[in-house]
C-alpha atoms as a PDB file:
ATOM      1  CA  MET A   1      11.774  -1.994  17.794  1.00  0.00           C
ATOM      2  CA  VAL A   2       9.909  -4.209  15.158  1.00  0.00           C
ATOM      3  CA  SER A   3       6.100  -3.789  15.410  1.00  0.00           C
ATOM      4  CA  LYS A   4       3.370  -5.805  13.448  1.00  0.00           C
ATOM      5  CA  GLY A   5       1.437  -3.675  10.939  1.00  0.00           C
ATOM      6  CA  LYS A   6      -1.985  -4.698   9.589  1.00  0.00           C
ATOM      7  CA  GLY A   7      -2.507  -8.343   9.721  1.00  0.00           C
ATOM      8  CA  ALA A   8      -1.492 -11.244  12.193  1.00  0.00           C
ATOM      9  CA  GLU A   9       0.995 -12.376   9.710  1.00  0.00           C
ATOM     10  CA  GLY A  10       2.716  -8.936   9.597  1.00  0.00           C
ATOM     11  CA  GLU A  11       0.768  -7.684   6.406  1.00  0.00           C
ATOM     12  CA  GLY A  12       1.761  -3.877   5.953  1.00  0.00           C
ATOM     13  CA  LEU A  13       4.812  -4.505   8.383  1.00  0.00           C
ATOM     14  CA  MET A  14       7.449  -1.741   7.658  1.00  0.00           C
ATOM     15  CA  VAL A  15      10.871  -1.675   9.401  1.00  0.00           C
ATOM     16  CA  ARG A  16      13.941   0.280   8.692  1.00  0.00           C
ATOM     17  CA  GLY A  17      17.303  -1.440   8.673  1.00  0.00           C
ATOM     18  CA  SER A  18      19.089  -4.219   7.128  1.00  0.00           C
ATOM     19  CA  VAL A  19      18.984  -8.057   7.192  1.00  0.00           C
ATOM     20  CA  TYR A  20      22.362  -9.804   7.594  1.00  0.00           C
ATOM     21  CA  THR A  21      23.908 -13.119   9.027  1.00  0.00           C
ATOM     22  CA  MET A  22      25.468 -12.441  12.488  1.00  0.00           C
ATOM     23  CA  ARG A  23      28.463 -14.802  13.097  1.00  0.00           C
ATOM     24  CA  TYR A  24      29.971 -15.347  16.498  1.00  0.00           C
ATOM     25  CA  LYS A  25      31.656 -17.808  18.855  1.00  0.00           C
ATOM     26  CA  CYS A  26      30.024 -18.689  21.967  1.00  0.00           C
ATOM     27  CA  GLY A  27      33.097 -19.247  24.050  1.00  0.00           C
ATOM     28  CA  LYS A  28      31.860 -22.782  25.408  1.00  0.00           C
ATOM     29  CA  ASP A  29      34.861 -25.107  25.514  1.00  0.00           C
ATOM     30  CA  ASN A  30      32.969 -28.087  24.269  1.00  0.00           C
ATOM     31  CA  CYS A  31      31.138 -26.090  21.209  1.00  0.00           C
ATOM     32  CA  HIS A  32      32.071 -26.851  17.775  1.00  0.00           C
ATOM     33  CA  CYS A  33      32.613 -23.165  16.936  1.00  0.00           C
ATOM     34  CA  LYS A  34      35.663 -23.089  19.460  1.00  0.00           C
ATOM     35  CA  ASP A  35      37.879 -24.449  16.561  1.00  0.00           C
ATOM     36  CA  GLY A  36      35.420 -24.393  13.685  1.00  0.00           C
ATOM     37  CA  ASP A  37      32.808 -22.406  12.281  1.00  0.00           C
ATOM     38  CA  PRO A  38      31.082 -19.872  14.209  1.00  0.00           C
ATOM     39  CA  HIS A  39      27.312 -19.966  14.868  1.00  0.00           C
ATOM     40  CA  GLU A  40      25.359 -17.957  12.213  1.00  0.00           C
ATOM     41  CA  VAL A  41      22.030 -16.123  13.193  1.00  0.00           C
ATOM     42  CA  PRO A  42      20.039 -13.960  11.042  1.00  0.00           C
ATOM     43  CA  ALA A  43      19.378 -10.595  12.327  1.00  0.00           C
ATOM     44  CA  LEU A  44      17.676  -7.133  11.580  1.00  0.00           C
ATOM     45  CA  SER A  45      20.221  -4.458  12.206  1.00  0.00           C
ATOM     46  CA  TYR A  46      18.997  -0.732  12.687  1.00  0.00           C
ATOM     47  CA  SER A  47      20.145   2.438  14.134  1.00  0.00           C
ATOM     48  CA  LEU A  48      18.518   4.488  16.789  1.00  0.00           C
ATOM     49  CA  LYS A  49      20.029   7.935  17.938  1.00  0.00           C
ATOM     50  CA  GLY A  50      23.508   6.794  16.629  1.00  0.00           C
ATOM     51  CA  GLU A  51      23.569   3.499  18.029  1.00  0.00           C
ATOM     52  CA  THR A  52      23.219   0.053  16.264  1.00  0.00           C
ATOM     53  CA  HIS A  53      20.675  -2.544  17.454  1.00  0.00           C
ATOM     54  CA  LEU A  54      19.744  -5.879  16.524  1.00  0.00           C
ATOM     55  CA  VAL A  55      16.612  -8.090  16.534  1.00  0.00           C
ATOM     56  CA  THR A  56      17.651 -11.582  15.993  1.00  0.00           C
ATOM     57  CA  LEU A  57      15.315 -13.427  13.562  1.00  0.00           C
ATOM     58  CA  ARG A  58      14.044 -16.983  12.863  1.00  0.00           C
ATOM     59  CA  CYS A  59      14.851 -18.220   9.774  1.00  0.00           C
ATOM     60  CA  LYS A  60      11.269 -18.234   8.578  1.00  0.00           C
ATOM     61  CA  ASP A  61      11.088 -14.445   9.577  1.00  0.00           C
ATOM     62  CA  ILE A  62      13.696 -13.504   6.844  1.00  0.00           C
ATOM     63  CA  PRO A  63      11.385 -13.016   3.915  1.00  0.00           C
ATOM     64  CA  ARG A  64       8.895 -11.046   5.999  1.00  0.00           C
ATOM     65  CA  ALA A  65      11.719  -8.776   7.275  1.00  0.00           C
ATOM     66  CA  LYS A  66      13.035  -8.081   3.736  1.00  0.00           C
ATOM     67  CA  GLU A  67       9.460  -7.289   2.683  1.00  0.00           C
ATOM     68  CA  ALA A  68       9.034  -4.745   5.477  1.00  0.00           C
ATOM     69  CA  ILE A  69      12.232  -2.990   4.465  1.00  0.00           C
ATOM     70  CA  SER A  70      11.313  -2.814   1.074  1.00  0.00           C
ATOM     71  CA  ARG A  71       8.071  -1.343   2.001  1.00  0.00           C
ATOM     72  CA  TYR A  72       9.870   1.263   4.065  1.00  0.00           C
ATOM     73  CA  LYS A  73      12.046   2.183   1.097  1.00  0.00           C
ATOM     74  CA  LYS A  74       9.355   2.522  -1.070  1.00  0.00           C
ATOM     75  CA  ALA A  75       7.356   4.896   1.369  1.00  0.00           C
ATOM     76  CA  LYS A  76      10.451   6.736   1.922  1.00  0.00           C
ATOM     77  CA  ALA A  77      10.776   7.305  -1.888  1.00  0.00           C
ATOM     78  CA  ASP A  78       7.186   8.172  -2.427  1.00  0.00           C
ATOM     79  CA  LEU A  79       7.440  10.598   0.525  1.00  0.00           C
ATOM     80  CA  GLU A  80      10.613  12.322  -1.039  1.00  0.00           C
ATOM     81  CA  ALA A  81       8.838  12.465  -4.274  1.00  0.00           C
ATOM     82  CA  GLU A  82       5.449  14.156  -2.636  1.00  0.00           C
ATOM     83  CA  ALA A  83       7.907  16.625  -0.949  1.00  0.00           C
ATOM     84  CA  LEU A  84       9.823  17.509  -4.129  1.00  0.00           C
ATOM     85  CA  ALA A  85       6.439  18.001  -5.894  1.00  0.00           C
ATOM     86  CA  GLY A  86       5.339  20.259  -3.016  1.00  0.00           C
ATOM     87  CA  ILE A  87       8.527  22.421  -3.303  1.00  0.00           C
ATOM     88  CA  GLU A  88       7.778  22.800  -6.930  1.00  0.00           C
ATOM     89  CA  ARG A  89       4.090  23.673  -6.415  1.00  0.00           C
ATOM     90  CA  LEU A  90       5.016  26.309  -3.704  1.00  0.00           C
ATOM     91  CA  ARG A  91       7.694  27.777  -6.195  1.00  0.00           C
ATOM     92  CA  ARG A  92       5.119  28.018  -8.929  1.00  0.00           C
ATOM     93  CA  GLU A  93       2.504  29.445  -6.617  1.00  0.00           C
ATOM     94  CA  ILE A  94       4.997  32.304  -5.415  1.00  0.00           C
ATOM     95  CA  HIS A  95       6.812  32.958  -8.670  1.00  0.00           C
ATOM     96  CA  GLY A  96       4.324  31.854 -11.250  1.00  0.00           C
ATOM     97  CA  ASP A  97       5.449  29.669 -14.336  1.00  0.00           C
ATOM     98  CA  LYS A  98       8.016  31.834 -15.520  1.00  0.00           C
ATOM     99  CA  GLY A  99      10.808  29.455 -14.482  1.00  0.00           C
ATOM    100  CA  ARG A 100      12.360  31.960 -11.962  1.00  0.00           C
ATOM    101  CA  ARG A 101      13.886  30.377  -8.977  1.00  0.00           C
ATOM    102  CA  GLY A 102      14.712  31.709  -5.537  1.00  0.00           C
END
């Protein structure tokens, strides 16, 4: 689920997922969506154990959610780079700097 990070305003908030606009028809006979445009609600979509979950957002939360997703993507890329550097370091320690692989 979405949790707050460091500050009260979500500074440092990090989430995995995508922000998109959910569109649906509520099914009420007297609603404009019955014959017209569907309702639109911003949402954060994320998967957990192979299942898709949604967190509906307020319009004012969209920029914060997108920033939190960007933080997650950057942290993931940084971790991947660190892991690859670790593999290279281990390779050099085991095999020396001769360029051998294996």
